[in-house]
N, C-alpha and C. Protein backbone atom coordinates (compact mmCIF):
# COMPACT_ATOMS: atom_id res chain seq x y z
N MET A 1 42.76 -21.50 -21.83
CA MET A 1 43.08 -20.16 -21.38
C MET A 1 44.54 -19.88 -21.74
N GLY A 2 44.79 -18.77 -22.37
CA GLY A 2 46.15 -18.43 -22.80
C GLY A 2 47.02 -17.99 -21.64
N SER A 3 48.31 -17.95 -21.90
CA SER A 3 49.25 -17.58 -20.83
C SER A 3 49.07 -16.12 -20.41
N SER A 4 48.67 -15.26 -21.34
CA SER A 4 48.46 -13.85 -20.97
C SER A 4 47.25 -13.71 -20.03
N GLN A 5 46.23 -14.53 -20.24
CA GLN A 5 45.07 -14.50 -19.33
C GLN A 5 45.44 -15.02 -17.95
N LYS A 6 46.22 -16.10 -17.93
CA LYS A 6 46.66 -16.65 -16.64
C LYS A 6 47.50 -15.63 -15.88
N ARG A 7 48.39 -14.96 -16.60
CA ARG A 7 49.24 -13.95 -15.97
C ARG A 7 48.40 -12.79 -15.44
N ALA A 8 47.38 -12.39 -16.20
CA ALA A 8 46.50 -11.30 -15.76
C ALA A 8 45.75 -11.70 -14.48
N ILE A 9 45.28 -12.93 -14.42
CA ILE A 9 44.58 -13.40 -13.23
C ILE A 9 45.53 -13.45 -12.04
N GLN A 10 46.77 -13.94 -12.25
CA GLN A 10 47.76 -13.98 -11.17
C GLN A 10 48.07 -12.57 -10.66
N ASN A 11 48.22 -11.63 -11.58
CA ASN A 11 48.50 -10.24 -11.19
C ASN A 11 47.34 -9.66 -10.40
N TYR A 12 46.13 -9.93 -10.87
CA TYR A 12 44.94 -9.41 -10.18
C TYR A 12 44.85 -9.98 -8.76
N ARG A 13 45.05 -11.28 -8.62
CA ARG A 13 44.98 -11.91 -7.30
C ARG A 13 46.13 -11.46 -6.41
N SER A 14 47.26 -11.20 -7.00
CA SER A 14 48.40 -10.69 -6.24
C SER A 14 48.09 -9.30 -5.69
N ARG A 15 47.49 -8.46 -6.52
CA ARG A 15 47.10 -7.11 -6.05
C ARG A 15 46.06 -7.19 -4.94
N LEU A 16 45.10 -8.13 -5.09
CA LEU A 16 44.12 -8.32 -4.02
C LEU A 16 44.79 -8.75 -2.73
N GLY A 17 45.75 -9.66 -2.83
CA GLY A 17 46.47 -10.15 -1.65
C GLY A 17 47.22 -9.04 -0.94
N LYS A 18 47.78 -8.13 -1.70
CA LYS A 18 48.50 -7.00 -1.10
C LYS A 18 47.55 -6.10 -0.33
N ARG A 19 46.30 -6.05 -0.75
CA ARG A 19 45.29 -5.24 -0.05
C ARG A 19 44.65 -6.01 1.10
N GLY A 20 45.08 -7.27 1.29
CA GLY A 20 44.52 -8.09 2.38
C GLY A 20 43.22 -8.78 1.99
N LEU A 21 42.95 -8.89 0.70
CA LEU A 21 41.72 -9.52 0.23
C LEU A 21 42.02 -10.85 -0.44
N ALA A 22 41.03 -11.70 -0.48
CA ALA A 22 41.16 -12.99 -1.16
C ALA A 22 39.87 -13.24 -1.93
N ARG A 23 40.02 -13.99 -3.00
CA ARG A 23 38.86 -14.34 -3.81
C ARG A 23 38.48 -15.76 -3.47
N PHE A 24 37.19 -16.00 -3.23
CA PHE A 24 36.72 -17.35 -2.95
C PHE A 24 35.29 -17.50 -3.40
N GLU A 25 34.88 -18.76 -3.52
CA GLU A 25 33.56 -19.09 -4.04
C GLU A 25 32.64 -19.46 -2.88
N VAL A 26 31.39 -19.03 -2.99
CA VAL A 26 30.40 -19.31 -1.95
C VAL A 26 29.17 -19.91 -2.62
N LEU A 27 28.61 -20.93 -2.00
CA LEU A 27 27.37 -21.51 -2.49
C LEU A 27 26.21 -20.94 -1.69
N GLY A 28 25.14 -20.59 -2.36
CA GLY A 28 23.98 -20.05 -1.68
C GLY A 28 22.78 -20.06 -2.61
N ARG A 29 21.68 -19.61 -2.09
CA ARG A 29 20.45 -19.53 -2.89
C ARG A 29 20.57 -18.40 -3.90
N ASP A 30 19.96 -18.61 -5.05
CA ASP A 30 20.01 -17.61 -6.11
C ASP A 30 19.36 -16.30 -5.65
N ALA A 31 18.34 -16.40 -4.82
CA ALA A 31 17.65 -15.20 -4.34
C ALA A 31 18.54 -14.36 -3.44
N ASP A 32 19.57 -14.97 -2.84
CA ASP A 32 20.45 -14.25 -1.92
C ASP A 32 21.70 -13.69 -2.60
N ARG A 33 21.78 -13.83 -3.91
CA ARG A 33 22.99 -13.41 -4.64
C ARG A 33 23.34 -11.95 -4.38
N ASP A 34 22.38 -11.05 -4.55
CA ASP A 34 22.66 -9.62 -4.35
C ASP A 34 23.00 -9.32 -2.91
N LEU A 35 22.32 -9.98 -1.98
CA LEU A 35 22.60 -9.78 -0.56
C LEU A 35 24.03 -10.19 -0.22
N ILE A 36 24.45 -11.36 -0.69
CA ILE A 36 25.79 -11.86 -0.39
C ILE A 36 26.85 -10.98 -1.03
N ARG A 37 26.59 -10.53 -2.24
CA ARG A 37 27.55 -9.65 -2.91
C ARG A 37 27.69 -8.32 -2.18
N SER A 38 26.57 -7.74 -1.78
CA SER A 38 26.65 -6.45 -1.08
C SER A 38 27.29 -6.64 0.30
N PHE A 39 27.01 -7.77 0.93
CA PHE A 39 27.62 -8.08 2.22
C PHE A 39 29.13 -8.22 2.07
N ALA A 40 29.58 -8.96 1.06
CA ALA A 40 31.01 -9.13 0.82
C ALA A 40 31.68 -7.79 0.48
N ARG A 41 30.99 -6.97 -0.29
CA ARG A 41 31.53 -5.66 -0.66
C ARG A 41 31.71 -4.79 0.58
N ARG A 42 30.72 -4.81 1.47
CA ARG A 42 30.82 -4.01 2.70
C ARG A 42 31.92 -4.53 3.61
N LEU A 43 32.08 -5.85 3.70
CA LEU A 43 33.13 -6.41 4.55
C LEU A 43 34.52 -6.13 4.00
N SER A 44 34.65 -5.99 2.69
CA SER A 44 35.96 -5.75 2.09
C SER A 44 36.46 -4.32 2.34
N GLU A 45 35.56 -3.43 2.71
CA GLU A 45 35.95 -2.04 3.00
C GLU A 45 36.59 -1.99 4.38
N ASP A 46 37.53 -1.11 4.54
CA ASP A 46 38.21 -0.95 5.83
C ASP A 46 37.60 0.24 6.56
N THR A 47 36.34 0.08 6.98
CA THR A 47 35.62 1.17 7.64
C THR A 47 35.09 0.69 8.99
N PRO A 48 34.74 1.62 9.87
CA PRO A 48 34.15 1.24 11.16
C PRO A 48 32.81 0.50 10.98
N GLU A 49 32.07 0.86 9.93
CA GLU A 49 30.80 0.17 9.67
C GLU A 49 31.04 -1.31 9.34
N ALA A 50 32.11 -1.58 8.58
CA ALA A 50 32.45 -2.96 8.25
C ALA A 50 32.83 -3.73 9.50
N LEU A 51 33.54 -3.10 10.40
CA LEU A 51 33.91 -3.75 11.66
C LEU A 51 32.68 -4.08 12.49
N GLU A 52 31.74 -3.12 12.55
CA GLU A 52 30.50 -3.36 13.30
C GLU A 52 29.69 -4.50 12.68
N LEU A 53 29.58 -4.49 11.36
CA LEU A 53 28.85 -5.54 10.64
C LEU A 53 29.49 -6.90 10.88
N ARG A 54 30.81 -6.95 10.80
CA ARG A 54 31.54 -8.20 11.02
C ARG A 54 31.31 -8.71 12.44
N ALA A 55 31.35 -7.82 13.43
CA ALA A 55 31.14 -8.21 14.82
C ALA A 55 29.72 -8.70 15.05
N ALA A 56 28.75 -8.01 14.46
CA ALA A 56 27.34 -8.40 14.66
C ALA A 56 27.05 -9.76 14.04
N VAL A 57 27.57 -9.99 12.84
CA VAL A 57 27.33 -11.28 12.18
C VAL A 57 28.07 -12.39 12.91
N SER A 58 29.29 -12.14 13.34
CA SER A 58 30.04 -13.15 14.09
C SER A 58 29.31 -13.53 15.37
N LYS A 59 28.79 -12.52 16.06
CA LYS A 59 28.06 -12.79 17.30
C LYS A 59 26.77 -13.56 17.01
N SER A 60 26.09 -13.21 15.93
CA SER A 60 24.85 -13.88 15.58
C SER A 60 25.09 -15.34 15.20
N ILE A 61 26.14 -15.59 14.46
CA ILE A 61 26.43 -16.96 14.03
C ILE A 61 26.93 -17.80 15.19
N ALA A 62 27.81 -17.24 16.00
CA ALA A 62 28.36 -17.98 17.13
C ALA A 62 27.28 -18.23 18.17
N GLY A 63 26.38 -17.29 18.31
CA GLY A 63 25.32 -17.43 19.30
C GLY A 63 25.88 -17.30 20.71
N GLU A 64 25.01 -17.20 21.63
CA GLU A 64 25.42 -17.13 23.03
C GLU A 64 25.10 -18.46 23.69
N PRO A 65 25.95 -18.90 24.60
CA PRO A 65 25.65 -20.16 25.28
C PRO A 65 24.36 -20.01 26.08
N PRO A 66 23.54 -21.05 26.09
CA PRO A 66 22.28 -20.95 26.84
C PRO A 66 22.54 -20.78 28.33
N LYS A 67 21.71 -19.98 28.94
CA LYS A 67 21.84 -19.75 30.38
C LYS A 67 21.31 -20.96 31.12
N PRO A 68 21.95 -21.33 32.23
CA PRO A 68 21.43 -22.47 33.00
C PRO A 68 20.04 -22.16 33.55
N GLY A 69 19.19 -23.15 33.55
CA GLY A 69 17.85 -22.98 34.09
C GLY A 69 16.86 -22.45 33.09
N GLY A 70 17.22 -22.43 31.80
CA GLY A 70 16.33 -21.89 30.78
C GLY A 70 15.06 -22.70 30.61
N ILE A 71 15.16 -24.01 30.69
CA ILE A 71 13.98 -24.87 30.53
C ILE A 71 13.05 -24.68 31.71
N LEU A 72 13.61 -24.63 32.90
CA LEU A 72 12.79 -24.43 34.10
C LEU A 72 12.07 -23.08 34.04
N ALA A 73 12.76 -22.04 33.61
CA ALA A 73 12.13 -20.72 33.50
C ALA A 73 11.00 -20.74 32.47
N ALA A 74 11.19 -21.45 31.36
CA ALA A 74 10.15 -21.53 30.33
C ALA A 74 8.93 -22.28 30.87
N LEU A 75 9.16 -23.34 31.62
CA LEU A 75 8.04 -24.09 32.20
C LEU A 75 7.28 -23.25 33.22
N ARG A 76 7.99 -22.43 33.95
CA ARG A 76 7.33 -21.56 34.95
C ARG A 76 6.50 -20.47 34.29
N ARG A 77 6.87 -20.08 33.07
CA ARG A 77 6.10 -19.06 32.34
C ARG A 77 4.91 -19.66 31.61
N SER A 78 4.77 -20.96 31.61
CA SER A 78 3.72 -21.64 30.87
C SER A 78 2.33 -21.24 31.38
N PRO A 79 1.36 -21.11 30.48
CA PRO A 79 0.00 -20.77 30.91
C PRO A 79 -0.67 -21.91 31.67
N LEU A 80 -0.09 -23.10 31.65
CA LEU A 80 -0.67 -24.24 32.35
C LEU A 80 -0.23 -24.35 33.81
N VAL A 81 0.58 -23.39 34.27
CA VAL A 81 1.02 -23.42 35.66
C VAL A 81 -0.20 -23.23 36.55
N GLY A 82 -0.38 -24.13 37.50
CA GLY A 82 -1.50 -24.06 38.43
C GLY A 82 -2.81 -24.54 37.84
N ALA A 83 -2.79 -25.25 36.71
CA ALA A 83 -4.02 -25.71 36.07
C ALA A 83 -4.53 -27.02 36.67
N ASP A 84 -3.81 -27.61 37.61
CA ASP A 84 -4.20 -28.85 38.28
C ASP A 84 -4.48 -29.96 37.26
N LEU A 85 -3.54 -30.20 36.39
CA LEU A 85 -3.68 -31.27 35.41
C LEU A 85 -3.28 -32.61 36.04
N ASP A 86 -4.00 -33.66 35.69
CA ASP A 86 -3.65 -35.00 36.15
C ASP A 86 -2.85 -35.67 35.04
N LEU A 87 -1.55 -35.75 35.23
CA LEU A 87 -0.66 -36.29 34.22
C LEU A 87 -0.20 -37.71 34.54
N SER A 88 -0.87 -38.37 35.48
CA SER A 88 -0.46 -39.73 35.84
C SER A 88 -0.93 -40.70 34.77
N ARG A 89 -0.17 -41.78 34.59
CA ARG A 89 -0.50 -42.79 33.60
C ARG A 89 -0.66 -44.13 34.31
N PRO A 90 -1.51 -44.99 33.77
CA PRO A 90 -1.64 -46.31 34.37
C PRO A 90 -0.35 -47.11 34.15
N ARG A 91 0.06 -47.83 35.16
CA ARG A 91 1.29 -48.62 35.08
C ARG A 91 0.97 -49.99 34.51
N GLU A 92 1.61 -50.37 33.42
CA GLU A 92 1.39 -51.67 32.79
C GLU A 92 2.70 -52.43 32.77
N LYS A 93 2.60 -53.74 32.90
CA LYS A 93 3.79 -54.57 32.89
C LYS A 93 4.34 -54.76 31.48
N GLY A 94 3.52 -54.65 30.50
CA GLY A 94 3.93 -54.87 29.14
C GLY A 94 3.47 -56.22 28.64
N ARG A 95 3.93 -56.62 27.50
CA ARG A 95 3.48 -57.89 26.93
C ARG A 95 4.57 -58.94 27.12
N LYS A 96 4.18 -60.15 27.03
CA LYS A 96 5.10 -61.25 27.18
C LYS A 96 5.68 -61.55 25.80
N VAL A 97 7.00 -61.67 25.75
CA VAL A 97 7.68 -61.92 24.47
C VAL A 97 8.37 -63.26 24.55
N ASP A 98 8.17 -64.08 23.55
CA ASP A 98 8.78 -65.39 23.50
C ASP A 98 10.05 -65.29 22.68
N LEU A 99 11.18 -65.43 23.34
CA LEU A 99 12.46 -65.37 22.63
C LEU A 99 12.90 -66.77 22.32
């Protein structure tokens, strides 16, 4: 790569930096290429829609902490509640092992 090309790239990246943007590489599936590009393009805009999109994705990725008692609530919603199942198992001592 010639010095003029390097200088052009430096100037381009400098202009991006002044606008608050950065160039970086992302790995992803080939099928998601257009989606990721359009997503990055929307995030680079300084609009209220970009802020909403950024907040929604951040919330989705971060997730919400699970509420206490979630497993108990799921078990109570089970269709087997009140089915009178016998879940007892025979108690066995196990086998004898010669060490």
